[in-house]
Amino acid sequence: MTDLTQKHDKLARKLLTDLEVAKEFLQLYLPTDIKQLCDFNSLSIENCSFVNEDLKSTQADVVYKIDLYPNGKSEKPEIAYIYTLVEHQSQPDWLMPLRILQYQINIIRRHIEKYRGNRLQSLPMVIPLVFYNGRRSPYPHPCDIADMFVDRDLYQKNPLGRFSLVDLTVLDDDKILQHKKLPH
């Protein structure tokens, strides 16, 4: 890693940890449909990092907590997290969507631990925002995990986190016994 990359990393982290700079930055770069739901006055920085130790020299991350109004301002806000990852690798990472998914899961797990006693009824949105500063331009790899699968359409019908359920508690015993290989 070059000295310039290290300076960019430190500068990005410093700027992103200044709440006023972060508000402006996020208002510029968040997707419009997300931005419209956010209360930027509630923006705060979480004291955590999810970058693996072996990647800390090429990455910096900042996690923001923000109130999100998915059903309009008249409803109670939901907690959401904006995960910013500043990437300083000379080689882009084809597995980035998988890494981002892992970071999102880690943030959700942290949230569950923090709010478990408060009758947790829903999971927070975790909105990733990755800043890339590599040599290849534009970024040459997928930014959506769906694009990493051989059959994108099949993946979208069966995305990570969704499962089919065979609920034996509601199946009629006669239906279960119709399975020919089951011992009777």
N, C-alpha and C. Protein backbone atom coordinates (compact mmCIF):
# COMPACT_ATOMS: atom_id res chain seq x y z
N MET A 1 0.84 -1.17 0.00
CA MET A 1 0.00 0.00 0.00
C MET A 1 0.89 1.23 0.00
N THR A 2 0.53 2.24 -0.79
CA THR A 2 1.34 3.44 -0.89
C THR A 2 1.02 4.39 0.25
N ASP A 3 1.94 5.34 0.47
CA ASP A 3 1.69 6.37 1.48
C ASP A 3 0.45 7.18 1.13
N LEU A 4 0.24 7.43 -0.19
CA LEU A 4 -0.92 8.19 -0.62
C LEU A 4 -2.21 7.46 -0.27
N THR A 5 -2.23 6.15 -0.47
CA THR A 5 -3.40 5.35 -0.13
C THR A 5 -3.67 5.43 1.36
N GLN A 6 -2.61 5.33 2.19
CA GLN A 6 -2.80 5.44 3.64
C GLN A 6 -3.35 6.81 4.01
N LYS A 7 -2.87 7.85 3.35
CA LYS A 7 -3.37 9.21 3.62
C LYS A 7 -4.83 9.34 3.21
N HIS A 8 -5.20 8.77 2.05
CA HIS A 8 -6.60 8.80 1.62
C HIS A 8 -7.48 8.08 2.64
N ASP A 9 -7.01 6.95 3.13
CA ASP A 9 -7.75 6.17 4.10
C ASP A 9 -7.99 6.99 5.37
N LYS A 10 -6.94 7.61 5.88
CA LYS A 10 -7.07 8.42 7.11
C LYS A 10 -7.97 9.62 6.87
N LEU A 11 -7.82 10.26 5.70
CA LEU A 11 -8.64 11.42 5.37
C LEU A 11 -10.12 11.01 5.28
N ALA A 12 -10.39 9.90 4.59
CA ALA A 12 -11.77 9.43 4.44
C ALA A 12 -12.37 9.12 5.80
N ARG A 13 -11.63 8.44 6.66
CA ARG A 13 -12.16 8.11 7.99
C ARG A 13 -12.41 9.38 8.79
N LYS A 14 -11.48 10.33 8.73
CA LYS A 14 -11.65 11.58 9.48
C LYS A 14 -12.87 12.34 8.98
N LEU A 15 -13.01 12.44 7.66
CA LEU A 15 -14.17 13.15 7.10
C LEU A 15 -15.48 12.45 7.44
N LEU A 16 -15.47 11.13 7.36
CA LEU A 16 -16.70 10.38 7.59
C LEU A 16 -17.07 10.31 9.07
N THR A 17 -16.14 10.65 9.95
CA THR A 17 -16.47 10.67 11.37
C THR A 17 -16.84 12.07 11.86
N ASP A 18 -16.82 13.05 10.98
CA ASP A 18 -17.35 14.38 11.27
C ASP A 18 -18.81 14.34 10.82
N LEU A 19 -19.74 14.43 11.77
CA LEU A 19 -21.16 14.22 11.45
C LEU A 19 -21.69 15.18 10.39
N GLU A 20 -21.28 16.42 10.42
CA GLU A 20 -21.78 17.37 9.42
C GLU A 20 -21.27 17.00 8.02
N VAL A 21 -20.01 16.61 7.92
CA VAL A 21 -19.46 16.17 6.64
C VAL A 21 -20.15 14.88 6.21
N ALA A 22 -20.34 13.97 7.15
CA ALA A 22 -20.99 12.70 6.84
C ALA A 22 -22.42 12.91 6.33
N LYS A 23 -23.18 13.80 6.96
CA LYS A 23 -24.55 14.08 6.51
C LYS A 23 -24.55 14.54 5.06
N GLU A 24 -23.68 15.48 4.76
CA GLU A 24 -23.62 16.00 3.39
C GLU A 24 -23.20 14.90 2.42
N PHE A 25 -22.20 14.13 2.82
CA PHE A 25 -21.68 13.06 1.98
C PHE A 25 -22.76 12.01 1.70
N LEU A 26 -23.46 11.60 2.75
CA LEU A 26 -24.49 10.58 2.60
C LEU A 26 -25.66 11.10 1.77
N GLN A 27 -25.99 12.37 1.93
CA GLN A 27 -27.07 12.95 1.13
C GLN A 27 -26.71 12.99 -0.35
N LEU A 28 -25.43 13.05 -0.64
CA LEU A 28 -24.98 13.03 -2.03
C LEU A 28 -24.97 11.62 -2.62
N TYR A 29 -24.56 10.62 -1.82
CA TYR A 29 -24.27 9.30 -2.38
C TYR A 29 -25.24 8.18 -2.05
N LEU A 30 -26.11 8.37 -1.09
CA LEU A 30 -27.10 7.31 -0.83
C LEU A 30 -28.11 7.26 -1.98
N PRO A 31 -28.63 6.08 -2.26
CA PRO A 31 -29.69 5.99 -3.27
C PRO A 31 -30.89 6.86 -2.86
N THR A 32 -31.51 7.51 -3.83
CA THR A 32 -32.59 8.45 -3.58
C THR A 32 -33.73 7.83 -2.78
N ASP A 33 -34.12 6.59 -3.11
CA ASP A 33 -35.24 5.95 -2.41
C ASP A 33 -34.94 5.73 -0.93
N ILE A 34 -33.69 5.52 -0.58
CA ILE A 34 -33.29 5.37 0.83
C ILE A 34 -33.20 6.74 1.49
N LYS A 35 -32.56 7.67 0.80
CA LYS A 35 -32.34 9.01 1.32
C LYS A 35 -33.66 9.68 1.74
N GLN A 36 -34.71 9.45 0.97
CA GLN A 36 -36.01 10.07 1.25
C GLN A 36 -36.64 9.56 2.55
N LEU A 37 -36.21 8.41 3.02
CA LEU A 37 -36.77 7.81 4.23
C LEU A 37 -35.98 8.17 5.49
N CYS A 38 -34.81 8.77 5.32
CA CYS A 38 -33.89 9.01 6.43
C CYS A 38 -34.14 10.35 7.12
N ASP A 39 -33.98 10.35 8.42
CA ASP A 39 -33.96 11.58 9.21
C ASP A 39 -32.50 11.87 9.52
N PHE A 40 -31.88 12.72 8.73
CA PHE A 40 -30.45 12.98 8.88
C PHE A 40 -30.11 13.69 10.18
N ASN A 41 -31.11 14.30 10.84
CA ASN A 41 -30.86 14.91 12.14
C ASN A 41 -30.60 13.86 13.22
N SER A 42 -31.01 12.64 12.97
CA SER A 42 -30.81 11.56 13.95
C SER A 42 -29.49 10.82 13.73
N LEU A 43 -28.74 11.18 12.71
CA LEU A 43 -27.51 10.47 12.35
C LEU A 43 -26.52 10.47 13.52
N SER A 44 -26.02 9.30 13.84
CA SER A 44 -24.98 9.17 14.86
C SER A 44 -23.99 8.10 14.40
N ILE A 45 -22.82 8.12 15.00
CA ILE A 45 -21.78 7.16 14.64
C ILE A 45 -21.74 6.07 15.69
N GLU A 46 -21.76 4.83 15.24
CA GLU A 46 -21.63 3.68 16.13
C GLU A 46 -20.16 3.42 16.38
N ASN A 47 -19.83 3.07 17.58
CA ASN A 47 -18.44 2.81 17.94
C ASN A 47 -18.11 1.34 17.67
N CYS A 48 -17.90 1.04 16.39
CA CYS A 48 -17.59 -0.34 16.01
C CYS A 48 -16.94 -0.35 14.63
N SER A 49 -16.27 -1.45 14.34
CA SER A 49 -15.68 -1.68 13.03
C SER A 49 -15.86 -3.16 12.72
N PHE A 50 -16.08 -3.46 11.46
CA PHE A 50 -16.30 -4.84 11.08
C PHE A 50 -15.28 -5.35 10.08
N VAL A 51 -14.31 -4.53 9.74
CA VAL A 51 -13.25 -4.95 8.82
C VAL A 51 -12.34 -5.93 9.55
N ASN A 52 -12.04 -7.04 8.90
CA ASN A 52 -11.14 -8.03 9.48
C ASN A 52 -9.76 -7.41 9.69
N GLU A 53 -9.07 -7.89 10.72
CA GLU A 53 -7.75 -7.35 11.05
C GLU A 53 -6.79 -7.38 9.86
N ASP A 54 -6.83 -8.45 9.07
CA ASP A 54 -5.91 -8.55 7.94
C ASP A 54 -6.24 -7.59 6.80
N LEU A 55 -7.42 -6.96 6.84
CA LEU A 55 -7.80 -6.01 5.79
C LEU A 55 -7.74 -4.56 6.23
N LYS A 56 -7.45 -4.33 7.51
CA LYS A 56 -7.45 -2.96 8.04
C LYS A 56 -6.47 -2.04 7.34
N SER A 57 -5.40 -2.58 6.77
CA SER A 57 -4.43 -1.72 6.09
C SER A 57 -4.96 -1.23 4.74
N THR A 58 -5.97 -1.89 4.19
CA THR A 58 -6.51 -1.49 2.89
C THR A 58 -7.96 -1.02 2.96
N GLN A 59 -8.56 -1.01 4.15
CA GLN A 59 -9.95 -0.63 4.29
C GLN A 59 -10.17 0.13 5.58
N ALA A 60 -11.17 0.98 5.54
CA ALA A 60 -11.65 1.65 6.74
C ALA A 60 -13.17 1.62 6.67
N ASP A 61 -13.80 1.47 7.79
CA ASP A 61 -15.26 1.47 7.78
C ASP A 61 -15.81 2.34 8.90
N VAL A 62 -16.99 2.88 8.66
CA VAL A 62 -17.71 3.67 9.64
C VAL A 62 -19.17 3.19 9.57
N VAL A 63 -19.76 2.96 10.74
CA VAL A 63 -21.16 2.56 10.81
C VAL A 63 -21.95 3.71 11.42
N TYR A 64 -22.98 4.13 10.69
CA TYR A 64 -23.87 5.18 11.17
C TYR A 64 -25.19 4.56 11.58
N LYS A 65 -25.79 5.12 12.59
CA LYS A 65 -27.15 4.73 12.98
C LYS A 65 -28.04 5.91 12.61
N ILE A 66 -29.20 5.62 12.04
CA ILE A 66 -30.09 6.68 11.59
C ILE A 66 -31.54 6.23 11.74
N ASP A 67 -32.42 7.17 11.97
CA ASP A 67 -33.85 6.85 11.99
C ASP A 67 -34.35 6.78 10.56
N LEU A 68 -35.11 5.74 10.29
CA LEU A 68 -35.65 5.49 8.96
C LEU A 68 -37.16 5.44 9.08
N TYR A 69 -37.85 6.13 8.20
CA TYR A 69 -39.31 6.17 8.21
C TYR A 69 -39.86 5.45 6.97
N PRO A 70 -39.91 4.12 7.00
CA PRO A 70 -40.38 3.40 5.81
C PRO A 70 -41.87 3.61 5.53
N ASN A 71 -42.65 3.99 6.56
CA ASN A 71 -44.09 4.18 6.38
C ASN A 71 -44.51 5.63 6.51
N GLY A 72 -43.60 6.55 6.35
CA GLY A 72 -43.92 7.97 6.46
C GLY A 72 -43.60 8.51 7.83
N LYS A 73 -43.47 9.82 7.93
CA LYS A 73 -43.06 10.49 9.17
C LYS A 73 -44.08 10.35 10.30
N SER A 74 -45.32 9.98 9.99
CA SER A 74 -46.33 9.86 11.03
C SER A 74 -46.14 8.59 11.87
N GLU A 75 -45.41 7.64 11.34
CA GLU A 75 -45.15 6.39 12.06
C GLU A 75 -43.90 6.51 12.92
N LYS A 76 -43.74 5.58 13.85
CA LYS A 76 -42.53 5.52 14.66
C LYS A 76 -41.36 5.11 13.76
N PRO A 77 -40.21 5.76 13.90
CA PRO A 77 -39.08 5.41 13.02
C PRO A 77 -38.49 4.04 13.38
N GLU A 78 -37.90 3.44 12.39
CA GLU A 78 -37.14 2.20 12.56
C GLU A 78 -35.67 2.57 12.63
N ILE A 79 -34.90 1.77 13.33
CA ILE A 79 -33.45 1.96 13.34
C ILE A 79 -32.89 1.38 12.05
N ALA A 80 -32.01 2.12 11.44
CA ALA A 80 -31.29 1.62 10.27
C ALA A 80 -29.81 1.95 10.47
N TYR A 81 -28.97 1.21 9.77
CA TYR A 81 -27.54 1.45 9.82
C TYR A 81 -27.05 1.68 8.40
N ILE A 82 -26.16 2.63 8.26
CA ILE A 82 -25.51 2.86 6.98
C ILE A 82 -24.06 2.43 7.20
N TYR A 83 -23.66 1.44 6.43
CA TYR A 83 -22.32 0.90 6.57
C TYR A 83 -21.47 1.46 5.44
N THR A 84 -20.48 2.27 5.79
CA THR A 84 -19.59 2.81 4.77
C THR A 84 -18.26 2.08 4.85
N LEU A 85 -17.80 1.66 3.71
CA LEU A 85 -16.53 0.95 3.60
C LEU A 85 -15.68 1.67 2.58
N VAL A 86 -14.53 2.11 3.01
CA VAL A 86 -13.59 2.78 2.12
C VAL A 86 -12.54 1.75 1.73
N GLU A 87 -12.50 1.44 0.46
CA GLU A 87 -11.68 0.35 -0.08
C GLU A 87 -10.44 0.93 -0.75
N HIS A 88 -9.27 0.55 -0.28
CA HIS A 88 -8.02 1.02 -0.89
C HIS A 88 -7.17 -0.17 -1.29
N GLN A 89 -7.65 -0.91 -2.24
CA GLN A 89 -6.88 -2.02 -2.77
C GLN A 89 -6.54 -1.69 -4.21
N SER A 90 -5.38 -2.08 -4.65
CA SER A 90 -5.03 -1.84 -6.05
C SER A 90 -5.79 -2.80 -6.96
N GLN A 91 -6.19 -3.94 -6.43
CA GLN A 91 -6.95 -4.92 -7.21
C GLN A 91 -8.39 -4.97 -6.70
N PRO A 92 -9.37 -4.77 -7.56
CA PRO A 92 -10.76 -4.89 -7.12
C PRO A 92 -11.07 -6.33 -6.70
N ASP A 93 -12.02 -6.49 -5.83
CA ASP A 93 -12.33 -7.79 -5.25
C ASP A 93 -13.65 -8.32 -5.80
N TRP A 94 -13.58 -9.40 -6.57
CA TRP A 94 -14.78 -10.02 -7.13
C TRP A 94 -15.72 -10.49 -6.03
N LEU A 95 -15.19 -10.83 -4.87
CA LEU A 95 -16.01 -11.33 -3.76
C LEU A 95 -16.57 -10.23 -2.87
N MET A 96 -16.44 -8.97 -3.27
CA MET A 96 -16.91 -7.86 -2.43
C MET A 96 -18.38 -8.01 -2.01
N PRO A 97 -19.31 -8.39 -2.88
CA PRO A 97 -20.70 -8.54 -2.41
C PRO A 97 -20.83 -9.56 -1.27
N LEU A 98 -20.04 -10.61 -1.32
CA LEU A 98 -20.07 -11.61 -0.26
C LEU A 98 -19.51 -11.03 1.04
N ARG A 99 -18.44 -10.25 0.95
CA ARG A 99 -17.88 -9.60 2.14
C ARG A 99 -18.87 -8.60 2.72
N ILE A 100 -19.52 -7.83 1.85
CA ILE A 100 -20.50 -6.85 2.33
C ILE A 100 -21.65 -7.57 3.03
N LEU A 101 -22.09 -8.69 2.49
CA LEU A 101 -23.15 -9.48 3.14
C LEU A 101 -22.72 -9.90 4.54
N GLN A 102 -21.47 -10.33 4.68
CA GLN A 102 -20.97 -10.73 5.99
C GLN A 102 -20.95 -9.55 6.96
N TYR A 103 -20.53 -8.37 6.48
CA TYR A 103 -20.55 -7.18 7.32
C TYR A 103 -21.98 -6.83 7.73
N GLN A 104 -22.92 -6.94 6.79
CA GLN A 104 -24.31 -6.65 7.12
C GLN A 104 -24.83 -7.60 8.20
N ILE A 105 -24.51 -8.87 8.07
CA ILE A 105 -24.94 -9.86 9.07
C ILE A 105 -24.31 -9.52 10.42
N ASN A 106 -23.05 -9.14 10.44
CA ASN A 106 -22.39 -8.78 11.70
C ASN A 106 -23.05 -7.57 12.35
N ILE A 107 -23.43 -6.58 11.56
CA ILE A 107 -24.10 -5.40 12.10
C ILE A 107 -25.47 -5.79 12.66
N ILE A 108 -26.19 -6.63 11.96
CA ILE A 108 -27.50 -7.08 12.45
C ILE A 108 -27.34 -7.88 13.74
N ARG A 109 -26.34 -8.75 13.80
CA ARG A 109 -26.09 -9.51 15.04
C ARG A 109 -25.79 -8.59 16.21
N ARG A 110 -24.99 -7.57 15.96
CA ARG A 110 -24.66 -6.59 17.00
C ARG A 110 -25.94 -5.89 17.48
N HIS A 111 -26.79 -5.53 16.53
CA HIS A 111 -28.06 -4.89 16.86
C HIS A 111 -28.94 -5.81 17.72
N ILE A 112 -29.01 -7.07 17.35
CA ILE A 112 -29.81 -8.04 18.11
C ILE A 112 -29.29 -8.12 19.54
N GLU A 113 -27.99 -8.23 19.70
CA GLU A 113 -27.40 -8.29 21.05
C GLU A 113 -27.74 -7.03 21.85
N LYS A 114 -27.68 -5.90 21.21
CA LYS A 114 -27.91 -4.62 21.88
C LYS A 114 -29.37 -4.41 22.29
N TYR A 115 -30.30 -4.86 21.44
CA TYR A 115 -31.72 -4.58 21.67
C TYR A 115 -32.55 -5.81 22.02
N ARG A 116 -31.93 -6.92 22.30
CA ARG A 116 -32.65 -8.17 22.58
C ARG A 116 -33.66 -8.01 23.71
N GLY A 117 -33.33 -7.30 24.76
CA GLY A 117 -34.23 -7.13 25.90
C GLY A 117 -35.39 -6.19 25.65
N ASN A 118 -35.38 -5.49 24.52
CA ASN A 118 -36.43 -4.52 24.22
C ASN A 118 -37.50 -5.09 23.30
N ARG A 119 -37.74 -6.38 23.40
CA ARG A 119 -38.75 -7.05 22.59
C ARG A 119 -38.53 -6.81 21.10
N LEU A 120 -37.36 -7.13 20.66
CA LEU A 120 -36.95 -6.98 19.27
C LEU A 120 -37.95 -7.68 18.36
N GLN A 121 -38.56 -6.93 17.44
CA GLN A 121 -39.57 -7.52 16.57
C GLN A 121 -39.22 -7.45 15.09
N SER A 122 -38.21 -6.68 14.75
CA SER A 122 -37.80 -6.61 13.35
C SER A 122 -36.30 -6.35 13.30
N LEU A 123 -35.74 -6.66 12.17
CA LEU A 123 -34.31 -6.44 11.98
C LEU A 123 -34.10 -5.08 11.32
N PRO A 124 -32.97 -4.47 11.59
CA PRO A 124 -32.71 -3.16 10.99
C PRO A 124 -32.24 -3.29 9.55
N MET A 125 -32.54 -2.28 8.76
CA MET A 125 -31.95 -2.19 7.43
C MET A 125 -30.46 -1.87 7.61
N VAL A 126 -29.63 -2.49 6.82
CA VAL A 126 -28.21 -2.15 6.80
C VAL A 126 -27.90 -1.79 5.35
N ILE A 127 -27.62 -0.53 5.14
CA ILE A 127 -27.43 0.01 3.80
C ILE A 127 -25.93 0.19 3.57
N PRO A 128 -25.35 -0.64 2.70
CA PRO A 128 -23.91 -0.53 2.47
C PRO A 128 -23.59 0.53 1.42
N LEU A 129 -22.48 1.19 1.63
CA LEU A 129 -21.98 2.20 0.69
C LEU A 129 -20.46 2.00 0.64
N VAL A 130 -19.96 1.54 -0.49
CA VAL A 130 -18.54 1.21 -0.64
C VAL A 130 -17.86 2.27 -1.50
N PHE A 131 -16.74 2.77 -1.03
CA PHE A 131 -15.95 3.72 -1.78
C PHE A 131 -14.72 2.99 -2.30
N TYR A 132 -14.57 2.99 -3.60
CA TYR A 132 -13.49 2.26 -4.26
C TYR A 132 -12.48 3.25 -4.83
N ASN A 133 -11.22 2.95 -4.64
CA ASN A 133 -10.16 3.82 -5.11
C ASN A 133 -9.04 3.00 -5.73
N GLY A 134 -9.39 2.01 -6.52
CA GLY A 134 -8.39 1.12 -7.10
C GLY A 134 -7.85 1.64 -8.42
N ARG A 135 -6.93 0.91 -8.98
CA ARG A 135 -6.31 1.29 -10.25
C ARG A 135 -7.24 1.10 -11.44
N ARG A 136 -8.01 0.01 -11.43
CA ARG A 136 -8.92 -0.27 -12.56
C ARG A 136 -10.16 0.60 -12.44
N SER A 137 -10.52 1.21 -13.55
CA SER A 137 -11.68 2.09 -13.55
C SER A 137 -12.44 1.89 -14.85
N PRO A 138 -13.76 1.80 -14.76
CA PRO A 138 -14.56 1.75 -13.55
C PRO A 138 -14.44 0.40 -12.86
N TYR A 139 -15.05 0.32 -11.69
CA TYR A 139 -15.01 -0.93 -10.91
C TYR A 139 -15.52 -2.07 -11.79
N PRO A 140 -14.72 -3.13 -11.97
CA PRO A 140 -15.06 -4.16 -12.96
C PRO A 140 -15.90 -5.34 -12.49
N HIS A 141 -16.25 -5.39 -11.22
CA HIS A 141 -16.92 -6.58 -10.71
C HIS A 141 -18.34 -6.26 -10.24
N PRO A 142 -19.13 -7.30 -9.96
CA PRO A 142 -20.51 -7.08 -9.53
C PRO A 142 -20.60 -6.34 -8.19
N CYS A 143 -21.62 -5.52 -8.07
CA CYS A 143 -21.93 -4.85 -6.82
C CYS A 143 -23.18 -5.46 -6.19
N ASP A 144 -23.73 -6.45 -6.83
CA ASP A 144 -24.94 -7.13 -6.37
C ASP A 144 -24.62 -8.62 -6.31
N ILE A 145 -24.85 -9.22 -5.15
CA ILE A 145 -24.54 -10.64 -4.99
C ILE A 145 -25.30 -11.51 -5.99
N ALA A 146 -26.47 -11.05 -6.43
CA ALA A 146 -27.26 -11.81 -7.41
C ALA A 146 -26.49 -12.01 -8.71
N ASP A 147 -25.64 -11.05 -9.06
CA ASP A 147 -24.87 -11.15 -10.29
C ASP A 147 -23.72 -12.15 -10.19
N MET A 148 -23.47 -12.67 -9.02
CA MET A 148 -22.38 -13.63 -8.84
C MET A 148 -22.84 -15.07 -9.10
N PHE A 149 -24.14 -15.28 -9.16
CA PHE A 149 -24.66 -16.63 -9.36
C PHE A 149 -24.83 -16.91 -10.84
N VAL A 150 -24.71 -18.18 -11.21
CA VAL A 150 -24.83 -18.57 -12.60
C VAL A 150 -26.20 -18.18 -13.16
N ASP A 151 -27.25 -18.39 -12.39
CA ASP A 151 -28.60 -18.10 -12.83
C ASP A 151 -29.19 -17.02 -11.92
N ARG A 152 -29.10 -15.78 -12.34
CA ARG A 152 -29.56 -14.63 -11.54
C ARG A 152 -31.06 -14.76 -11.22
N ASP A 153 -31.86 -15.16 -12.20
CA ASP A 153 -33.31 -15.26 -11.99
C ASP A 153 -33.64 -16.32 -10.93
N LEU A 154 -32.97 -17.45 -11.00
CA LEU A 154 -33.19 -18.50 -10.00
C LEU A 154 -32.76 -18.01 -8.62
N TYR A 155 -31.63 -17.32 -8.55
CA TYR A 155 -31.19 -16.76 -7.27
C TYR A 155 -32.24 -15.80 -6.71
N GLN A 156 -32.77 -14.92 -7.55
CA GLN A 156 -33.74 -13.94 -7.05
C GLN A 156 -35.02 -14.59 -6.54
N LYS A 157 -35.33 -15.77 -7.04
CA LYS A 157 -36.48 -16.52 -6.52
C LYS A 157 -36.14 -17.25 -5.22
N ASN A 158 -34.83 -17.47 -5.00
CA ASN A 158 -34.34 -18.18 -3.82
C ASN A 158 -33.15 -17.44 -3.22
N PRO A 159 -33.34 -16.19 -2.77
CA PRO A 159 -32.19 -15.41 -2.29
C PRO A 159 -31.68 -15.90 -0.95
N LEU A 160 -30.44 -15.51 -0.65
CA LEU A 160 -29.86 -15.82 0.65
C LEU A 160 -30.79 -15.31 1.74
N GLY A 161 -30.97 -16.11 2.77
CA GLY A 161 -31.83 -15.72 3.88
C GLY A 161 -33.26 -16.19 3.77
N ARG A 162 -33.69 -16.61 2.60
CA ARG A 162 -35.05 -17.11 2.43
C ARG A 162 -35.00 -18.63 2.37
N PHE A 163 -35.96 -19.28 3.00
CA PHE A 163 -35.99 -20.74 2.94
C PHE A 163 -37.41 -21.23 2.77
N SER A 164 -37.54 -22.40 2.18
CA SER A 164 -38.83 -23.08 2.08
C SER A 164 -39.04 -23.85 3.36
N LEU A 165 -40.25 -23.87 3.84
CA LEU A 165 -40.55 -24.50 5.11
C LEU A 165 -41.51 -25.66 4.94
N VAL A 166 -41.16 -26.79 5.48
CA VAL A 166 -42.07 -27.93 5.58
C VAL A 166 -42.45 -27.98 7.06
N ASP A 167 -43.61 -27.47 7.37
CA ASP A 167 -44.06 -27.36 8.76
C ASP A 167 -44.84 -28.61 9.14
N LEU A 168 -44.15 -29.54 9.80
CA LEU A 168 -44.77 -30.81 10.18
C LEU A 168 -45.88 -30.63 11.20
N THR A 169 -45.89 -29.48 11.89
CA THR A 169 -46.91 -29.26 12.92
C THR A 169 -48.28 -29.00 12.31
N VAL A 170 -48.34 -28.65 11.04
CA VAL A 170 -49.64 -28.37 10.40
C VAL A 170 -50.00 -29.39 9.33
N LEU A 171 -49.08 -30.31 9.03
CA LEU A 171 -49.37 -31.33 8.03
C LEU A 171 -50.23 -32.44 8.65
N ASP A 172 -51.16 -32.88 7.89
CA ASP A 172 -52.02 -33.99 8.30
C ASP A 172 -51.17 -35.27 8.31
N ASP A 173 -51.34 -36.11 9.32
CA ASP A 173 -50.57 -37.35 9.42
C ASP A 173 -50.74 -38.23 8.19
N ASP A 174 -51.94 -38.25 7.62
CA ASP A 174 -52.17 -39.05 6.42
C ASP A 174 -51.31 -38.57 5.26
N LYS A 175 -51.12 -37.27 5.17
CA LYS A 175 -50.27 -36.71 4.11
C LYS A 175 -48.82 -37.16 4.31
N ILE A 176 -48.36 -37.12 5.55
CA ILE A 176 -46.99 -37.54 5.85
C ILE A 176 -46.81 -39.02 5.52
N LEU A 177 -47.82 -39.82 5.82
CA LEU A 177 -47.72 -41.26 5.58
C LEU A 177 -47.78 -41.61 4.09
N GLN A 178 -48.13 -40.67 3.24
CA GLN A 178 -48.15 -40.91 1.80
C GLN A 178 -46.74 -41.07 1.22
N HIS A 179 -45.74 -40.67 1.96
CA HIS A 179 -44.38 -40.82 1.50
C HIS A 179 -44.05 -42.32 1.50
N LYS A 180 -43.77 -42.85 0.36
CA LYS A 180 -43.61 -44.29 0.19
C LYS A 180 -42.39 -44.87 0.91
N LYS A 181 -41.37 -44.11 1.08
CA LYS A 181 -40.14 -44.63 1.69
C LYS A 181 -40.14 -44.57 3.21
N LEU A 182 -41.10 -43.85 3.78
CA LEU A 182 -41.17 -43.76 5.25
C LEU A 182 -41.67 -45.09 5.83
N PRO A 183 -41.07 -45.54 6.93
CA PRO A 183 -41.59 -46.76 7.58
C PRO A 183 -42.94 -46.45 8.21
N HIS A 184 -43.85 -47.37 8.12
CA HIS A 184 -45.22 -47.19 8.68
C HIS A 184 -45.33 -47.87 10.01
